[in-house]
């Protein structure tokens, strides 16, 4: 349950008390009174969840749980060096989920409150452990963690910690904006290359090989994400670029100032480059509800 402020608690208690009084005066409608109370409490929670700030790592509890949370943060921020046998490229979770998932680029705050959840790409319900390993196999172009390993436990502990006050089963996380472009313009690859060299190459390298997982991740080549990663779809890549890039002003471009066309041009140029394959890609979206921009053939589409 979400932790409310004293003012909010007082508001909820007042509502509850009022509901009991109403029930006593009008005993033939107790269900309506209870329903009204639940509705008012939900309204308070929704208001409190308009934005969400996770607890600071400075407040991590001491002891084994705190140690695990801190290890989880390290795994998120330095994934490729901490578990090199599970990462097949030069990326970390923070490469896409900035500041270990706590900033606005692609927030993971509250993520454990919405799992287990149905995943269309998998065609089944996934646990948070399943979702983490999906990223290891795709975005990291690597191998999944053992479900009972210290590393998996630490990553889940960390994600739980940055989701501390988010109610389990919350329907929406209003502070999370999806990195997606609904109607992607036809990309101009030549213009995308020009923009890349002007505004992106300083961090990501002229050859796209990057300067580091958190300073400028590899965008193509064998050190980047594979074709099965979410970023391999142009709607996701263009949406991420438009919202977040560049992180600082580069080549006269400021963060969030790119047009849909410019973002599409950059995404098209980047995704046209060679990158690792994903052996299991044909099994994605087994129920046949794949997005139109999936860049590979599916068994379900053949059916």
C-alpha atoms as a PDB file:
ATOM      1  CA  UNK A   1       0.000   0.000   0.000  1.00  0.00           C
ATOM      2  CA  UNK A   2       1.252   3.484  -0.779  1.00  0.00           C
ATOM      3  CA  UNK A   3       2.611   5.533   2.119  1.00  0.00           C
ATOM      4  CA  UNK A   4       0.557   8.678   2.473  1.00  0.00           C
ATOM      5  CA  UNK A   5       1.514  11.920   4.125  1.00  0.00           C
ATOM      6  CA  UNK A   6      -0.085  12.915   7.443  1.00  0.00           C
ATOM      7  CA  UNK A   7      -2.388  15.280   5.577  1.00  0.00           C
ATOM      8  CA  UNK A   8      -3.445  12.582   3.122  1.00  0.00           C
ATOM      9  CA  UNK A   9      -3.931  10.077   5.953  1.00  0.00           C
ATOM     10  CA  UNK A  10      -6.123  12.549   7.738  1.00  0.00           C
ATOM     11  CA  UNK A  11      -8.144  13.092   4.596  1.00  0.00           C
ATOM     12  CA  UNK A  12      -8.656   9.359   4.133  1.00  0.00           C
ATOM     13  CA  UNK A  13      -9.597   8.856   7.815  1.00  0.00           C
ATOM     14  CA  UNK A  14     -12.123  11.675   7.535  1.00  0.00           C
ATOM     15  CA  UNK A  15     -13.664  10.021   4.502  1.00  0.00           C
ATOM     16  CA  UNK A  16     -13.770   6.647   6.228  1.00  0.00           C
ATOM     17  CA  UNK A  17     -15.371   8.128   9.355  1.00  0.00           C
ATOM     18  CA  UNK A  18     -17.954   9.940   7.247  1.00  0.00           C
ATOM     19  CA  UNK A  19     -18.749   6.733   5.421  1.00  0.00           C
ATOM     20  CA  UNK A  20     -19.433   4.907   8.735  1.00  0.00           C
ATOM     21  CA  UNK A  21     -21.733   7.711   9.868  1.00  0.00           C
ATOM     22  CA  UNK A  22     -23.646   7.552   6.623  1.00  0.00           C
ATOM     23  CA  UNK A  23     -23.922   3.798   6.937  1.00  0.00           C
ATOM     24  CA  UNK A  24     -25.397   4.191  10.431  1.00  0.00           C
ATOM     25  CA  UNK A  25     -27.966   6.746   9.260  1.00  0.00           C
ATOM     26  CA  UNK A  26     -28.906   4.859   6.116  1.00  0.00           C
ATOM     27  CA  UNK A  27     -28.443   1.189   6.940  1.00  0.00           C
ATOM     28  CA  UNK A  28     -30.247  -0.020   3.825  1.00  0.00           C
ATOM     29  CA  UNK A  29     -27.283   1.102   1.598  1.00  0.00           C
ATOM     30  CA  UNK A  30     -24.113  -0.096   3.375  1.00  0.00           C
ATOM     31  CA  UNK A  31     -22.543  -1.343   0.118  1.00  0.00           C
ATOM     32  CA  UNK A  32     -22.832   2.091  -1.495  1.00  0.00           C
ATOM     33  CA  UNK A  33     -21.153   3.746   1.482  1.00  0.00           C
ATOM     34  CA  UNK A  34     -18.267   1.257   1.380  1.00  0.00           C
ATOM     35  CA  UNK A  35     -17.904   1.734  -2.364  1.00  0.00           C
ATOM     36  CA  UNK A  36     -17.781   5.506  -1.941  1.00  0.00           C
ATOM     37  CA  UNK A  37     -15.017   5.168   0.654  1.00  0.00           C
ATOM     38  CA  UNK A  38     -12.937   2.941  -1.618  1.00  0.00           C
ATOM     39  CA  UNK A  39     -13.379   5.385  -4.484  1.00  0.00           C
ATOM     40  CA  UNK A  40     -12.233   8.337  -2.378  1.00  0.00           C
ATOM     41  CA  UNK A  41      -9.200   6.413  -1.101  1.00  0.00           C
ATOM     42  CA  UNK A  42      -8.284   5.483  -4.682  1.00  0.00           C
ATOM     43  CA  UNK A  43      -8.535   9.148  -5.671  1.00  0.00           C
ATOM     44  CA  UNK A  44      -6.047  10.108  -2.953  1.00  0.00           C
ATOM     45  CA  UNK A  45      -3.637   7.399  -4.134  1.00  0.00           C
ATOM     46  CA  UNK A  46      -3.914   8.486  -7.755  1.00  0.00           C
ATOM     47  CA  UNK A  47      -3.205  12.101  -6.790  1.00  0.00           C
ATOM     48  CA  UNK A  48      -0.184  11.061  -4.742  1.00  0.00           C
ATOM     49  CA  UNK A  49       1.106   9.009  -7.695  1.00  0.00           C
ATOM     50  CA  UNK A  50       1.086  11.838 -10.258  1.00  0.00           C
ATOM     51  CA  UNK A  51       4.840  11.827  -9.871  1.00  0.00           C
ATOM     52  CA  UNK A  52       7.120   9.502  -8.000  1.00  0.00           C
ATOM     53  CA  UNK A  53      10.534   9.983  -6.469  1.00  0.00           C
ATOM     54  CA  UNK A  54      12.242   6.747  -5.373  1.00  0.00           C
ATOM     55  CA  UNK A  55      14.066   6.634  -2.037  1.00  0.00           C
ATOM     56  CA  UNK A  56      17.706   7.666  -2.102  1.00  0.00           C
ATOM     57  CA  UNK A  57      20.433   5.038  -2.093  1.00  0.00           C
ATOM     58  CA  UNK A  58      21.754   6.894   0.954  1.00  0.00           C
ATOM     59  CA  UNK A  59      18.745   5.506   2.843  1.00  0.00           C
ATOM     60  CA  UNK A  60      19.325   1.864   1.941  1.00  0.00           C
ATOM     61  CA  UNK A  61      19.028  -0.204   5.137  1.00  0.00           C
ATOM     62  CA  UNK A  62      22.129  -1.746   6.629  1.00  0.00           C
ATOM     63  CA  UNK A  63      22.619  -5.491   6.602  1.00  0.00           C
ATOM     64  CA  UNK A  64      22.193  -8.245   3.995  1.00  0.00           C
ATOM     65  CA  UNK A  65      19.167  -6.648   2.285  1.00  0.00           C
ATOM     66  CA  UNK A  66      20.942  -3.310   1.942  1.00  0.00           C
ATOM     67  CA  UNK A  67      24.028  -5.039   0.572  1.00  0.00           C
ATOM     68  CA  UNK A  68      21.882  -6.801  -2.020  1.00  0.00           C
ATOM     69  CA  UNK A  69      20.182  -3.543  -3.048  1.00  0.00           C
ATOM     70  CA  UNK A  70      23.541  -1.834  -3.496  1.00  0.00           C
ATOM     71  CA  UNK A  71      24.821  -4.794  -5.504  1.00  0.00           C
ATOM     72  CA  UNK A  72      21.700  -4.547  -7.654  1.00  0.00           C
ATOM     73  CA  UNK A  73      22.468  -0.888  -8.358  1.00  0.00           C
ATOM     74  CA  UNK A  74      26.014  -1.810  -9.363  1.00  0.00           C
ATOM     75  CA  UNK A  75      24.664  -4.518 -11.669  1.00  0.00           C
ATOM     76  CA  UNK A  76      22.314  -2.038 -13.303  1.00  0.00           C
ATOM     77  CA  UNK A  77      24.967   0.617 -13.791  1.00  0.00           C
ATOM     78  CA  UNK A  78      27.990  -1.543 -14.651  1.00  0.00           C
ATOM     79  CA  UNK A  79      26.314  -4.618 -16.115  1.00  0.00           C
ATOM     80  CA  UNK A  80      28.895  -5.496 -18.749  1.00  0.00           C
ATOM     81  CA  UNK A  81      31.811  -5.461 -16.291  1.00  0.00           C
ATOM     82  CA  UNK A  82      30.089  -7.023 -13.252  1.00  0.00           C
ATOM     83  CA  UNK A  83      28.570 -10.010 -15.117  1.00  0.00           C
ATOM     84  CA  UNK A  84      30.679 -10.226 -18.287  1.00  0.00           C
ATOM     85  CA  UNK A  85      29.675 -13.860 -18.877  1.00  0.00           C
ATOM     86  CA  UNK A  86      26.040 -12.765 -19.247  1.00  0.00           C
ATOM     87  CA  UNK A  87      26.618  -9.680 -21.396  1.00  0.00           C
ATOM     88  CA  UNK A  88      27.691 -10.096 -24.999  1.00  0.00           C
ATOM     89  CA  UNK A  89      28.246  -6.450 -25.853  1.00  0.00           C
ATOM     90  CA  UNK A  90      29.451  -3.176 -24.331  1.00  0.00           C
ATOM     91  CA  UNK A  91      26.178  -2.049 -22.760  1.00  0.00           C
ATOM     92  CA  UNK A  92      24.710  -1.734 -19.281  1.00  0.00           C
ATOM     93  CA  UNK A  93      21.112  -1.419 -18.111  1.00  0.00           C
ATOM     94  CA  UNK A  94      21.853   2.284 -17.581  1.00  0.00           C
ATOM     95  CA  UNK A  95      22.651   2.620 -21.297  1.00  0.00           C
ATOM     96  CA  UNK A  96      18.897   2.874 -21.926  1.00  0.00           C
ATOM     97  CA  UNK A  97      17.467   3.156 -18.389  1.00  0.00           C
ATOM     98  CA  UNK A  98      19.462   6.209 -17.314  1.00  0.00           C
ATOM     99  CA  UNK A  99      20.902   6.442 -13.790  1.00  0.00           C
ATOM    100  CA  UNK A 100      20.056   2.789 -13.141  1.00  0.00           C
ATOM    101  CA  UNK A 101      16.431   3.332 -14.086  1.00  0.00           C
ATOM    102  CA  UNK A 102      15.711   6.336 -11.884  1.00  0.00           C
ATOM    103  CA  UNK A 103      15.802   9.212 -14.374  1.00  0.00           C
ATOM    104  CA  UNK A 104      13.249  10.200 -17.015  1.00  0.00           C
ATOM    105  CA  UNK A 105      14.856   8.530 -20.054  1.00  0.00           C
ATOM    106  CA  UNK A 106      13.194   5.152 -19.492  1.00  0.00           C
ATOM    107  CA  UNK A 107      12.198   4.839 -15.816  1.00  0.00           C
ATOM    108  CA  UNK A 108      12.105   1.524 -13.969  1.00  0.00           C
ATOM    109  CA  UNK A 109      10.636   3.098 -10.837  1.00  0.00           C
ATOM    110  CA  UNK A 110       7.524   1.153  -9.895  1.00  0.00           C
ATOM    111  CA  UNK A 111       8.246  -1.665 -12.338  1.00  0.00           C
ATOM    112  CA  UNK A 112       7.996  -4.448  -9.755  1.00  0.00           C
ATOM    113  CA  UNK A 113       4.509  -3.223  -8.832  1.00  0.00           C
ATOM    114  CA  UNK A 114       3.199  -4.081 -12.318  1.00  0.00           C
ATOM    115  CA  UNK A 115       4.686  -7.582 -12.593  1.00  0.00           C
ATOM    116  CA  UNK A 116       3.742 -10.356 -13.230  1.00  0.00           C
ATOM    117  CA  UNK A 117       2.309  -8.975 -16.471  1.00  0.00           C
ATOM    118  CA  UNK A 118       1.250 -10.234 -19.875  1.00  0.00           C
ATOM    119  CA  UNK A 119       3.861  -9.608 -22.572  1.00  0.00           C
ATOM    120  CA  UNK A 120       2.602  -9.680 -26.191  1.00  0.00           C
ATOM    121  CA  UNK A 121       6.046 -10.336 -27.615  1.00  0.00           C
ATOM    122  CA  UNK A 122       6.372 -13.466 -25.473  1.00  0.00           C
ATOM    123  CA  UNK A 123       2.697 -14.334 -25.784  1.00  0.00           C
ATOM    124  CA  UNK A 124       2.492 -15.169 -22.085  1.00  0.00           C
ATOM    125  CA  UNK A 125       2.608 -13.733 -18.577  1.00  0.00           C
ATOM    126  CA  UNK A 126       6.128 -12.829 -17.431  1.00  0.00           C
ATOM    127  CA  UNK A 127       7.569 -12.388 -13.965  1.00  0.00           C
ATOM    128  CA  UNK A 128      10.004  -9.560 -13.267  1.00  0.00           C
ATOM    129  CA  UNK A 129      12.801 -12.151 -13.435  1.00  0.00           C
ATOM    130  CA  UNK A 130      11.620 -13.197 -16.910  1.00  0.00           C
ATOM    131  CA  UNK A 131      11.625  -9.571 -18.014  1.00  0.00           C
ATOM    132  CA  UNK A 132      15.135  -8.956 -16.707  1.00  0.00           C
ATOM    133  CA  UNK A 133      16.418 -12.004 -18.557  1.00  0.00           C
ATOM    134  CA  UNK A 134      14.669 -10.871 -21.714  1.00  0.00           C
ATOM    135  CA  UNK A 135      16.870  -7.778 -21.623  1.00  0.00           C
ATOM    136  CA  UNK A 136      19.972  -9.870 -21.035  1.00  0.00           C
ATOM    137  CA  UNK A 137      19.200 -11.981 -24.101  1.00  0.00           C
ATOM    138  CA  UNK A 138      18.218  -9.091 -26.373  1.00  0.00           C
ATOM    139  CA  UNK A 139      19.506  -5.671 -25.371  1.00  0.00           C
ATOM    140  CA  UNK A 140      22.645  -7.169 -23.808  1.00  0.00           C
ATOM    141  CA  UNK A 141      22.986  -9.800 -26.560  1.00  0.00           C
ATOM    142  CA  UNK A 142      23.967 -12.191 -23.788  1.00  0.00           C
ATOM    143  CA  UNK A 143      22.811 -15.032 -21.577  1.00  0.00           C
ATOM    144  CA  UNK A 144      20.100 -15.054 -18.891  1.00  0.00           C
ATOM    145  CA  UNK A 145      20.935 -14.970 -15.202  1.00  0.00           C
ATOM    146  CA  UNK A 146      20.149 -17.993 -13.070  1.00  0.00           C
ATOM    147  CA  UNK A 147      16.775 -17.300 -11.452  1.00  0.00           C
ATOM    148  CA  UNK A 148      18.109 -18.078  -7.960  1.00  0.00           C
ATOM    149  CA  UNK A 149      21.525 -16.420  -8.380  1.00  0.00           C
ATOM    150  CA  UNK A 150      22.752 -13.666  -6.082  1.00  0.00           C
ATOM    151  CA  UNK A 151      22.785 -11.376  -9.124  1.00  0.00           C
ATOM    152  CA  UNK A 152      19.134 -11.929  -9.980  1.00  0.00           C
ATOM    153  CA  UNK A 153      18.108 -11.538  -6.340  1.00  0.00           C
ATOM    154  CA  UNK A 154      20.121  -8.308  -6.144  1.00  0.00           C
ATOM    155  CA  UNK A 155      18.564  -6.826  -9.277  1.00  0.00           C
ATOM    156  CA  UNK A 156      15.059  -7.624  -8.026  1.00  0.00           C
ATOM    157  CA  UNK A 157      15.926  -6.217  -4.580  1.00  0.00           C
ATOM    158  CA  UNK A 158      17.117  -2.992  -6.194  1.00  0.00           C
ATOM    159  CA  UNK A 159      14.050  -2.692  -8.433  1.00  0.00           C
ATOM    160  CA  UNK A 160      11.823  -3.337  -5.415  1.00  0.00           C
ATOM    161  CA  UNK A 161      13.670  -0.621  -3.507  1.00  0.00           C
ATOM    162  CA  UNK A 162      13.175   2.037  -6.195  1.00  0.00           C
ATOM    163  CA  UNK A 163       9.489   0.991  -6.277  1.00  0.00           C
ATOM    164  CA  UNK A 164       9.051   1.189  -2.489  1.00  0.00           C
ATOM    165  CA  UNK A 165       5.959   3.407  -2.308  1.00  0.00           C
ATOM    166  CA  UNK A 166       4.218   2.286  -5.501  1.00  0.00           C
ATOM    167  CA  UNK A 167       1.083   0.186  -4.817  1.00  0.00           C
ATOM    168  CA  UNK A 168       1.267  -3.421  -6.021  1.00  0.00           C
ATOM    169  CA  UNK A 169      -1.016  -3.918  -9.001  1.00  0.00           C
ATOM    170  CA  UNK A 170      -1.164  -0.226  -9.934  1.00  0.00           C
ATOM    171  CA  UNK A 171      -2.799   0.080 -13.358  1.00  0.00           C
ATOM    172  CA  UNK A 172      -0.649   2.911 -14.686  1.00  0.00           C
ATOM    173  CA  UNK A 173       2.567   4.691 -13.717  1.00  0.00           C
ATOM    174  CA  UNK A 174       1.795   8.298 -14.763  1.00  0.00           C
ATOM    175  CA  UNK A 175       5.425   9.399 -14.366  1.00  0.00           C
ATOM    176  CA  UNK A 176       6.563   6.913 -17.041  1.00  0.00           C
ATOM    177  CA  UNK A 177       6.425   8.233 -20.609  1.00  0.00           C
ATOM    178  CA  UNK A 178       6.863   5.533 -23.238  1.00  0.00           C
ATOM    179  CA  UNK A 179       9.600   6.028 -25.778  1.00  0.00           C
ATOM    180  CA  UNK A 180       7.505   5.385 -28.852  1.00  0.00           C
ATOM    181  CA  UNK A 181       6.535   7.269 -31.997  1.00  0.00           C
ATOM    182  CA  UNK A 182       3.108   6.293 -33.274  1.00  0.00           C
ATOM    183  CA  UNK A 183       3.393   7.538 -36.856  1.00  0.00           C
ATOM    184  CA  UNK A 184       7.020   7.379 -37.914  1.00  0.00           C
ATOM    185  CA  UNK A 185       7.826   9.468 -41.018  1.00  0.00           C
ATOM    186  CA  UNK A 186       9.688   7.708 -43.831  1.00  0.00           C
ATOM    187  CA  UNK A 187      13.340   8.033 -42.800  1.00  0.00           C
ATOM    188  CA  UNK A 188      15.900   9.779 -44.963  1.00  0.00           C
ATOM    189  CA  UNK A 189      19.045   7.758 -44.266  1.00  0.00           C
ATOM    190  CA  UNK A 190      21.407  10.244 -45.898  1.00  0.00           C
ATOM    191  CA  UNK A 191      20.062  13.031 -43.706  1.00  0.00           C
ATOM    192  CA  UNK A 192      20.223  10.689 -40.706  1.00  0.00           C
ATOM    193  CA  UNK A 193      23.917  10.061 -41.342  1.00  0.00           C
ATOM    194  CA  UNK A 194      24.554  13.801 -41.637  1.00  0.00           C
ATOM    195  CA  UNK A 195      22.755  14.485 -38.350  1.00  0.00           C
ATOM    196  CA  UNK A 196      24.555  11.614 -36.648  1.00  0.00           C
ATOM    197  CA  UNK A 197      27.991  12.925 -37.542  1.00  0.00           C
ATOM    198  CA  UNK A 198      26.957  16.442 -36.516  1.00  0.00           C
ATOM    199  CA  UNK A 199      25.278  15.731 -33.188  1.00  0.00           C
ATOM    200  CA  UNK A 200      25.828  12.113 -32.094  1.00  0.00           C
ATOM    201  CA  UNK A 201      29.295  10.930 -33.112  1.00  0.00           C
ATOM    202  CA  UNK A 202      31.073  12.785 -30.306  1.00  0.00           C
ATOM    203  CA  UNK A 203      29.525  10.413 -27.751  1.00  0.00           C
ATOM    204  CA  UNK A 204      28.648   7.358 -29.834  1.00  0.00           C
ATOM    205  CA  UNK A 205      31.711   7.383 -32.095  1.00  0.00           C
ATOM    206  CA  UNK A 206      31.843   8.081 -35.824  1.00  0.00           C
ATOM    207  CA  UNK A 207      31.585   4.332 -36.430  1.00  0.00           C
ATOM    208  CA  UNK A 208      28.772   3.831 -33.894  1.00  0.00           C
ATOM    209  CA  UNK A 209      30.977   1.738 -31.596  1.00  0.00           C
ATOM    210  CA  UNK A 210      30.395   4.080 -28.648  1.00  0.00           C
ATOM    211  CA  UNK A 211      32.619   5.584 -25.977  1.00  0.00           C
ATOM    212  CA  UNK A 212      31.203   3.671 -22.999  1.00  0.00           C
ATOM    213  CA  UNK A 213      27.952   2.116 -21.680  1.00  0.00           C
ATOM    214  CA  UNK A 214      26.822   5.316 -19.940  1.00  0.00           C
ATOM    215  CA  UNK A 215      28.804   8.000 -21.801  1.00  0.00           C
ATOM    216  CA  UNK A 216      27.777   6.941 -25.305  1.00  0.00           C
ATOM    217  CA  UNK A 217      26.566   3.351 -25.840  1.00  0.00           C
ATOM    218  CA  UNK A 218      27.436   1.419 -28.998  1.00  0.00           C
ATOM    219  CA  UNK A 219      24.585   1.865 -31.500  1.00  0.00           C
ATOM    220  CA  UNK A 220      25.554  -0.759 -34.056  1.00  0.00           C
ATOM    221  CA  UNK A 221      28.168  -3.445 -34.596  1.00  0.00           C
ATOM    222  CA  UNK A 222      28.940  -6.461 -32.428  1.00  0.00           C
ATOM    223  CA  UNK A 223      29.099  -4.375 -29.231  1.00  0.00           C
ATOM    224  CA  UNK A 224      25.527  -3.092 -29.525  1.00  0.00           C
ATOM    225  CA  UNK A 225      22.011  -4.508 -28.937  1.00  0.00           C
ATOM    226  CA  UNK A 226      20.828  -7.314 -31.184  1.00  0.00           C
ATOM    227  CA  UNK A 227      18.007  -7.304 -33.715  1.00  0.00           C
ATOM    228  CA  UNK A 228      15.530  -8.739 -31.190  1.00  0.00           C
ATOM    229  CA  UNK A 229      15.862  -5.827 -28.745  1.00  0.00           C
ATOM    230  CA  UNK A 230      13.010  -3.379 -28.318  1.00  0.00           C
ATOM    231  CA  UNK A 231      15.299  -0.623 -29.578  1.00  0.00           C
ATOM    232  CA  UNK A 232      15.551  -2.564 -32.827  1.00  0.00           C
ATOM    233  CA  UNK A 233      12.085  -1.303 -33.807  1.00  0.00           C
ATOM    234  CA  UNK A 234      12.091   2.090 -35.485  1.00  0.00           C
ATOM    235  CA  UNK A 235       9.042   3.330 -33.542  1.00  0.00           C
ATOM    236  CA  UNK A 236      10.899   2.736 -30.264  1.00  0.00           C
ATOM    237  CA  UNK A 237      14.264   4.044 -31.469  1.00  0.00           C
ATOM    238  CA  UNK A 238      12.764   7.190 -33.006  1.00  0.00           C
ATOM    239  CA  UNK A 239      10.657   7.828 -29.890  1.00  0.00           C
ATOM    240  CA  UNK A 240      13.656   7.398 -27.585  1.00  0.00           C
ATOM    241  CA  UNK A 241      15.833   9.675 -29.716  1.00  0.00           C
ATOM    242  CA  UNK A 242      13.177  12.381 -29.946  1.00  0.00           C
ATOM    243  CA  UNK A 243      12.494  12.439 -26.189  1.00  0.00           C
ATOM    244  CA  UNK A 244      15.999  12.053 -24.840  1.00  0.00           C
ATOM    245  CA  UNK A 245      18.729  12.865 -27.327  1.00  0.00           C
ATOM    246  CA  UNK A 246      21.182  14.435 -27.109  1.00  0.00           C
ATOM    247  CA  UNK A 247      21.601  14.451 -23.347  1.00  0.00           C
ATOM    248  CA  UNK A 248      23.506  17.723 -23.658  1.00  0.00           C
ATOM    249  CA  UNK A 249      23.573  20.225 -26.504  1.00  0.00           C
ATOM    250  CA  UNK A 250      25.525  18.749 -29.404  1.00  0.00           C
ATOM    251  CA  UNK A 251      26.047  20.205 -32.863  1.00  0.00           C
ATOM    252  CA  UNK A 252      23.503  22.924 -32.204  1.00  0.00           C
ATOM    253  CA  UNK A 253      20.827  20.389 -31.165  1.00  0.00           C
ATOM    254  CA  UNK A 254      19.332  20.482 -27.675  1.00  0.00           C
ATOM    255  CA  UNK A 255      17.570  17.657 -25.847  1.00  0.00           C
ATOM    256  CA  UNK A 256      13.955  17.300 -26.958  1.00  0.00           C
ATOM    257  CA  UNK A 257      14.305  19.715 -29.887  1.00  0.00           C
ATOM    258  CA  UNK A 258      14.428  17.151 -32.711  1.00  0.00           C
ATOM    259  CA  UNK A 259      11.417  16.947 -35.012  1.00  0.00           C
ATOM    260  CA  UNK A 260       9.689  13.639 -35.735  1.00  0.00           C
ATOM    261  CA  UNK A 261      11.382  13.610 -39.136  1.00  0.00           C
ATOM    262  CA  UNK A 262      14.858  14.221 -37.714  1.00  0.00           C
ATOM    263  CA  UNK A 263      14.387  11.512 -35.079  1.00  0.00           C
ATOM    264  CA  UNK A 264      13.106   9.092 -37.720  1.00  0.00           C
ATOM    265  CA  UNK A 265      16.063   9.881 -39.988  1.00  0.00           C
ATOM    266  CA  UNK A 266      18.523   9.153 -37.181  1.00  0.00           C
ATOM    267  CA  UNK A 267      16.719   5.969 -36.111  1.00  0.00           C
ATOM    268  CA  UNK A 268      16.546   4.747 -39.701  1.00  0.00           C
ATOM    269  CA  UNK A 269      20.248   5.389 -40.253  1.00  0.00           C
ATOM    270  CA  UNK A 270      21.235   3.616 -37.015  1.00  0.00           C
ATOM    271  CA  UNK A 271      18.987   0.594 -37.521  1.00  0.00           C
ATOM    272  CA  UNK A 272      20.135   0.138 -41.126  1.00  0.00           C
ATOM    273  CA  UNK A 273      23.586  -0.759 -39.801  1.00  0.00           C
ATOM    274  CA  UNK A 274      24.749  -4.304 -39.047  1.00  0.00           C
ATOM    275  CA  UNK A 275      24.115  -5.656 -35.569  1.00  0.00           C
ATOM    276  CA  UNK A 276      24.017  -9.067 -33.858  1.00  0.00           C
ATOM    277  CA  UNK A 277      21.244 -11.498 -34.785  1.00  0.00           C
ATOM    278  CA  UNK A 278      18.819 -13.032 -32.266  1.00  0.00           C
ATOM    279  CA  UNK A 279      18.342 -16.758 -32.811  1.00  0.00           C
ATOM    280  CA  UNK A 280      14.876 -16.935 -31.238  1.00  0.00           C
ATOM    281  CA  UNK A 281      13.409 -13.938 -33.069  1.00  0.00           C
ATOM    282  CA  UNK A 282      11.012 -15.917 -35.292  1.00  0.00           C
ATOM    283  CA  UNK A 283       9.122 -17.099 -32.177  1.00  0.00           C
ATOM    284  CA  UNK A 284       8.192 -13.558 -31.087  1.00  0.00           C
ATOM    285  CA  UNK A 285       4.509 -12.504 -30.986  1.00  0.00           C
ATOM    286  CA  UNK A 286       3.302 -16.114 -31.246  1.00  0.00           C
ATOM    287  CA  UNK A 287      -0.352 -15.023 -31.131  1.00  0.00           C
ATOM    288  CA  UNK A 288       0.044 -13.000 -34.310  1.00  0.00           C
ATOM    289  CA  UNK A 289      -0.408  -9.479 -32.909  1.00  0.00           C
ATOM    290  CA  UNK A 290       3.015  -8.138 -33.864  1.00  0.00           C
ATOM    291  CA  UNK A 291       3.581  -4.401 -34.482  1.00  0.00           C
ATOM    292  CA  UNK A 292       4.068  -3.420 -38.115  1.00  0.00           C
ATOM    293  CA  UNK A 293       7.679  -2.323 -37.649  1.00  0.00           C
ATOM    294  CA  UNK A 294       9.126  -5.622 -36.395  1.00  0.00           C
ATOM    295  CA  UNK A 295      12.265  -5.899 -38.557  1.00  0.00           C
ATOM    296  CA  UNK A 296      12.271  -9.680 -39.031  1.00  0.00           C
ATOM    297  CA  UNK A 297      10.015 -12.485 -40.184  1.00  0.00           C
ATOM    298  CA  UNK A 298       7.826 -14.289 -37.649  1.00  0.00           C
ATOM    299  CA  UNK A 299       6.394 -17.781 -37.596  1.00  0.00           C
ATOM    300  CA  UNK A 300       3.033 -16.345 -36.578  1.00  0.00           C
ATOM    301  CA  UNK A 301       2.894 -14.134 -39.681  1.00  0.00           C
ATOM    302  CA  UNK A 302       3.431 -17.171 -41.902  1.00  0.00           C
ATOM    303  CA  UNK A 303       0.420 -18.825 -40.287  1.00  0.00           C
END
